[in-house]
Amino acid sequence: MGIENRIRLAIELSNLSLKDAATLCEIPYSSLQNWVNGARDPRSDALISLASHLGVSIDWLLTGQGPVRRNHPQENTVVVPRLSPAEDSLITLFRSVNDDDRLHIKNTILERKRLREMEQRIKDITLLLSNCIHND
């Protein structure tokens, strides 16, 4: 098992998404993606942060040898990322509404996300076309 698989396993054992693990470990999400995809090798300080925040042994993370969990191999600890006050407020508000309102909120957020992605694609295409026109 390569280091990219051990990093992915450490994140999965902590019941975190890649994005949540990046936030918890204070590592750029794109860097973590590169590491778990095997595109790049992590720096030593990043490995120390991953091991520390995810509760895994640095020896295991580096070599695959020894117990996975640091100091407490039998302990089944779940690392939960801390929520910001804004996130906590949103979750509290979301939990206070009925199921129909929750579905409406979810659909609204998904639609806004889709629109932002489309706007970004339009900007990218506009820039590309502008560069093509200026290069001719």
C-alpha atoms as a PDB file:
ATOM      1  CA  MET A   1       0.000   0.000   0.000  1.00  0.00           C
ATOM      2  CA  GLY A   2       1.481   3.336  -1.060  1.00  0.00           C
ATOM      3  CA  ILE A   3       1.443   6.521   0.967  1.00  0.00           C
ATOM      4  CA  GLU A   4      -1.470   7.876  -1.088  1.00  0.00           C
ATOM      5  CA  ASN A   5      -3.594   4.891  -0.017  1.00  0.00           C
ATOM      6  CA  ARG A   6      -2.539   5.263   3.629  1.00  0.00           C
ATOM      7  CA  ILE A   7      -3.505   8.940   3.571  1.00  0.00           C
ATOM      8  CA  ARG A   8      -6.889   8.057   2.051  1.00  0.00           C
ATOM      9  CA  LEU A   9      -7.410   5.278   4.631  1.00  0.00           C
ATOM     10  CA  ALA A  10      -6.509   7.611   7.517  1.00  0.00           C
ATOM     11  CA  ILE A  11      -9.135  10.081   6.280  1.00  0.00           C
ATOM     12  CA  GLU A  12     -11.744   7.330   5.856  1.00  0.00           C
ATOM     13  CA  LEU A  13     -11.019   5.946   9.337  1.00  0.00           C
ATOM     14  CA  SER A  14     -11.760   9.409  10.708  1.00  0.00           C
ATOM     15  CA  ASN A  15     -15.089   9.481   8.833  1.00  0.00           C
ATOM     16  CA  LEU A  16     -14.127  12.688   7.057  1.00  0.00           C
ATOM     17  CA  SER A  17     -14.465  13.837   3.499  1.00  0.00           C
ATOM     18  CA  LEU A  18     -11.323  14.944   1.709  1.00  0.00           C
ATOM     19  CA  LYS A  19     -12.436  18.563   2.012  1.00  0.00           C
ATOM     20  CA  ASP A  20     -13.153  18.230   5.752  1.00  0.00           C
ATOM     21  CA  ALA A  21      -9.779  16.564   6.330  1.00  0.00           C
ATOM     22  CA  ALA A  22      -8.016  19.368   4.457  1.00  0.00           C
ATOM     23  CA  THR A  23      -9.783  21.963   6.604  1.00  0.00           C
ATOM     24  CA  LEU A  24      -9.098  20.098   9.844  1.00  0.00           C
ATOM     25  CA  CYS A  25      -5.409  19.602   9.023  1.00  0.00           C
ATOM     26  CA  GLU A  26      -5.038  23.137   7.640  1.00  0.00           C
ATOM     27  CA  ILE A  27      -3.803  21.791   4.309  1.00  0.00           C
ATOM     28  CA  PRO A  28      -4.907  23.131   0.915  1.00  0.00           C
ATOM     29  CA  TYR A  29      -7.614  20.886  -0.528  1.00  0.00           C
ATOM     30  CA  SER A  30      -5.844  20.718  -3.910  1.00  0.00           C
ATOM     31  CA  SER A  31      -2.636  19.495  -2.237  1.00  0.00           C
ATOM     32  CA  LEU A  32      -4.515  16.745  -0.404  1.00  0.00           C
ATOM     33  CA  GLN A  33      -6.187  15.736  -3.671  1.00  0.00           C
ATOM     34  CA  ASN A  34      -2.792  15.506  -5.368  1.00  0.00           C
ATOM     35  CA  TRP A  35      -1.424  13.324  -2.579  1.00  0.00           C
ATOM     36  CA  VAL A  36      -4.301  10.829  -2.484  1.00  0.00           C
ATOM     37  CA  ASN A  37      -4.283  10.623  -6.279  1.00  0.00           C
ATOM     38  CA  GLY A  38      -0.542   9.907  -6.251  1.00  0.00           C
ATOM     39  CA  ALA A  39       0.234  12.987  -8.362  1.00  0.00           C
ATOM     40  CA  ARG A  40       2.579  14.436  -5.729  1.00  0.00           C
ATOM     41  CA  ASP A  41       4.253  13.371  -2.506  1.00  0.00           C
ATOM     42  CA  PRO A  42       3.382  15.270   0.679  1.00  0.00           C
ATOM     43  CA  ARG A  43       5.942  17.313   2.590  1.00  0.00           C
ATOM     44  CA  SER A  44       7.057  16.105   6.011  1.00  0.00           C
ATOM     45  CA  ASP A  45       5.220  18.920   7.839  1.00  0.00           C
ATOM     46  CA  ALA A  46       2.010  17.979   6.044  1.00  0.00           C
ATOM     47  CA  LEU A  47       2.402  14.330   7.036  1.00  0.00           C
ATOM     48  CA  ILE A  48       2.927  15.365  10.651  1.00  0.00           C
ATOM     49  CA  SER A  49      -0.245  17.475  10.515  1.00  0.00           C
ATOM     50  CA  LEU A  50      -2.232  14.618   8.955  1.00  0.00           C
ATOM     51  CA  ALA A  51      -1.021  12.111  11.535  1.00  0.00           C
ATOM     52  CA  SER A  52      -1.646  14.496  14.412  1.00  0.00           C
ATOM     53  CA  HIS A  53      -5.128  15.610  13.384  1.00  0.00           C
ATOM     54  CA  LEU A  54      -6.336  12.232  12.127  1.00  0.00           C
ATOM     55  CA  GLY A  55      -4.972  10.308  15.127  1.00  0.00           C
ATOM     56  CA  VAL A  56      -2.801   7.908  13.136  1.00  0.00           C
ATOM     57  CA  SER A  57       0.768   6.846  13.766  1.00  0.00           C
ATOM     58  CA  ILE A  58       3.334   8.799  11.759  1.00  0.00           C
ATOM     59  CA  ASP A  59       5.333   5.568  11.442  1.00  0.00           C
ATOM     60  CA  TRP A  60       2.379   3.819   9.856  1.00  0.00           C
ATOM     61  CA  LEU A  61       1.617   6.796   7.627  1.00  0.00           C
ATOM     62  CA  LEU A  62       5.221   6.888   6.347  1.00  0.00           C
ATOM     63  CA  THR A  63       5.973   3.175   6.094  1.00  0.00           C
ATOM     64  CA  GLY A  64       2.772   1.205   6.471  1.00  0.00           C
ATOM     65  CA  GLN A  65       4.390  -0.602   9.442  1.00  0.00           C
ATOM     66  CA  GLY A  66       3.061  -0.784  12.993  1.00  0.00           C
ATOM     67  CA  PRO A  67      -0.341   0.110  14.427  1.00  0.00           C
ATOM     68  CA  VAL A  68      -2.496   2.497  12.430  1.00  0.00           C
ATOM     69  CA  ARG A  69      -3.826   4.432  15.404  1.00  0.00           C
ATOM     70  CA  ARG A  70      -1.448   6.509  17.459  1.00  0.00           C
ATOM     71  CA  ASN A  71      -0.971   5.359  21.096  1.00  0.00           C
ATOM     72  CA  HIS A  72      -4.382   3.664  21.201  1.00  0.00           C
ATOM     73  CA  PRO A  73      -4.605   0.997  18.483  1.00  0.00           C
ATOM     74  CA  GLN A  74      -7.839  -0.418  19.944  1.00  0.00           C
ATOM     75  CA  GLU A  75      -9.502   2.957  20.418  1.00  0.00           C
ATOM     76  CA  ASN A  76     -12.065   3.799  17.751  1.00  0.00           C
ATOM     77  CA  THR A  77     -11.915   7.587  17.848  1.00  0.00           C
ATOM     78  CA  VAL A  78     -13.798   9.689  15.350  1.00  0.00           C
ATOM     79  CA  VAL A  79     -12.311  13.098  14.589  1.00  0.00           C
ATOM     80  CA  VAL A  80     -15.028  15.672  13.992  1.00  0.00           C
ATOM     81  CA  PRO A  81     -14.058  18.946  12.340  1.00  0.00           C
ATOM     82  CA  ARG A  82     -15.012  22.087  14.217  1.00  0.00           C
ATOM     83  CA  LEU A  83     -17.752  24.217  12.712  1.00  0.00           C
ATOM     84  CA  SER A  84     -17.377  27.936  12.328  1.00  0.00           C
ATOM     85  CA  PRO A  85     -20.030  30.059  14.076  1.00  0.00           C
ATOM     86  CA  ALA A  86     -21.609  30.779  10.664  1.00  0.00           C
ATOM     87  CA  GLU A  87     -21.772  27.051   9.816  1.00  0.00           C
ATOM     88  CA  ASP A  88     -23.221  26.240  13.223  1.00  0.00           C
ATOM     89  CA  SER A  89     -25.854  28.959  12.800  1.00  0.00           C
ATOM     90  CA  LEU A  90     -26.828  27.637   9.359  1.00  0.00           C
ATOM     91  CA  ILE A  91     -27.166  24.087  10.636  1.00  0.00           C
ATOM     92  CA  THR A  92     -29.291  25.227  13.577  1.00  0.00           C
ATOM     93  CA  LEU A  93     -31.537  27.201  11.248  1.00  0.00           C
ATOM     94  CA  PHE A  94     -31.760  24.303   8.762  1.00  0.00           C
ATOM     95  CA  ARG A  95     -32.757  21.911  11.531  1.00  0.00           C
ATOM     96  CA  SER A  96     -35.523  24.270  12.659  1.00  0.00           C
ATOM     97  CA  VAL A  97     -37.504  24.085   9.387  1.00  0.00           C
ATOM     98  CA  ASN A  98     -39.770  21.341   8.052  1.00  0.00           C
ATOM     99  CA  ASP A  99     -38.817  18.743   5.425  1.00  0.00           C
ATOM    100  CA  ASP A 100     -40.395  20.666   2.539  1.00  0.00           C
ATOM    101  CA  ASP A 101     -38.393  23.769   3.438  1.00  0.00           C
ATOM    102  CA  ARG A 102     -35.217  21.692   3.743  1.00  0.00           C
ATOM    103  CA  LEU A 103     -35.776  20.282   0.269  1.00  0.00           C
ATOM    104  CA  HIS A 104     -36.395  23.772  -1.100  1.00  0.00           C
ATOM    105  CA  ILE A 105     -33.197  25.057   0.540  1.00  0.00           C
ATOM    106  CA  LYS A 106     -31.199  22.154  -0.856  1.00  0.00           C
ATOM    107  CA  ASN A 107     -32.580  22.660  -4.369  1.00  0.00           C
ATOM    108  CA  THR A 108     -31.937  26.405  -4.212  1.00  0.00           C
ATOM    109  CA  ILE A 109     -28.335  25.870  -3.172  1.00  0.00           C
ATOM    110  CA  LEU A 110     -27.782  23.282  -5.901  1.00  0.00           C
ATOM    111  CA  GLU A 111     -29.285  25.601  -8.527  1.00  0.00           C
ATOM    112  CA  ARG A 112     -27.120  28.538  -7.385  1.00  0.00           C
ATOM    113  CA  LYS A 113     -24.057  26.322  -7.512  1.00  0.00           C
ATOM    114  CA  ARG A 114     -24.962  25.189 -11.037  1.00  0.00           C
ATOM    115  CA  LEU A 115     -25.433  28.807 -12.134  1.00  0.00           C
ATOM    116  CA  ARG A 116     -22.076  29.851 -10.664  1.00  0.00           C
ATOM    117  CA  GLU A 117     -20.382  26.999 -12.500  1.00  0.00           C
ATOM    118  CA  MET A 118     -22.050  28.082 -15.733  1.00  0.00           C
ATOM    119  CA  GLU A 119     -20.994  31.704 -15.160  1.00  0.00           C
ATOM    120  CA  GLN A 120     -17.412  30.557 -14.638  1.00  0.00           C
ATOM    121  CA  ARG A 121     -17.515  28.510 -17.850  1.00  0.00           C
ATOM    122  CA  ILE A 122     -18.835  31.541 -19.733  1.00  0.00           C
ATOM    123  CA  LYS A 123     -16.020  33.694 -18.320  1.00  0.00           C
ATOM    124  CA  ASP A 124     -13.450  31.069 -19.302  1.00  0.00           C
ATOM    125  CA  ILE A 125     -14.832  30.805 -22.840  1.00  0.00           C
ATOM    126  CA  THR A 126     -15.000  34.594 -23.167  1.00  0.00           C
ATOM    127  CA  LEU A 127     -11.377  34.885 -22.099  1.00  0.00           C
ATOM    128  CA  LEU A 128     -10.346  32.131 -24.487  1.00  0.00           C
ATOM    129  CA  LEU A 129     -12.192  33.787 -27.385  1.00  0.00           C
ATOM    130  CA  SER A 130     -10.716  37.167 -26.495  1.00  0.00           C
ATOM    131  CA  ASN A 131      -7.222  35.679 -26.540  1.00  0.00           C
ATOM    132  CA  CYS A 132      -7.906  34.030 -29.901  1.00  0.00           C
ATOM    133  CA  ILE A 133      -9.128  37.314 -31.403  1.00  0.00           C
ATOM    134  CA  HIS A 134      -6.126  39.250 -30.078  1.00  0.00           C
ATOM    135  CA  ASN A 135      -3.680  36.620 -31.348  1.00  0.00           C
ATOM    136  CA  ASP A 136      -5.004  36.834 -34.931  1.00  0.00           C
END
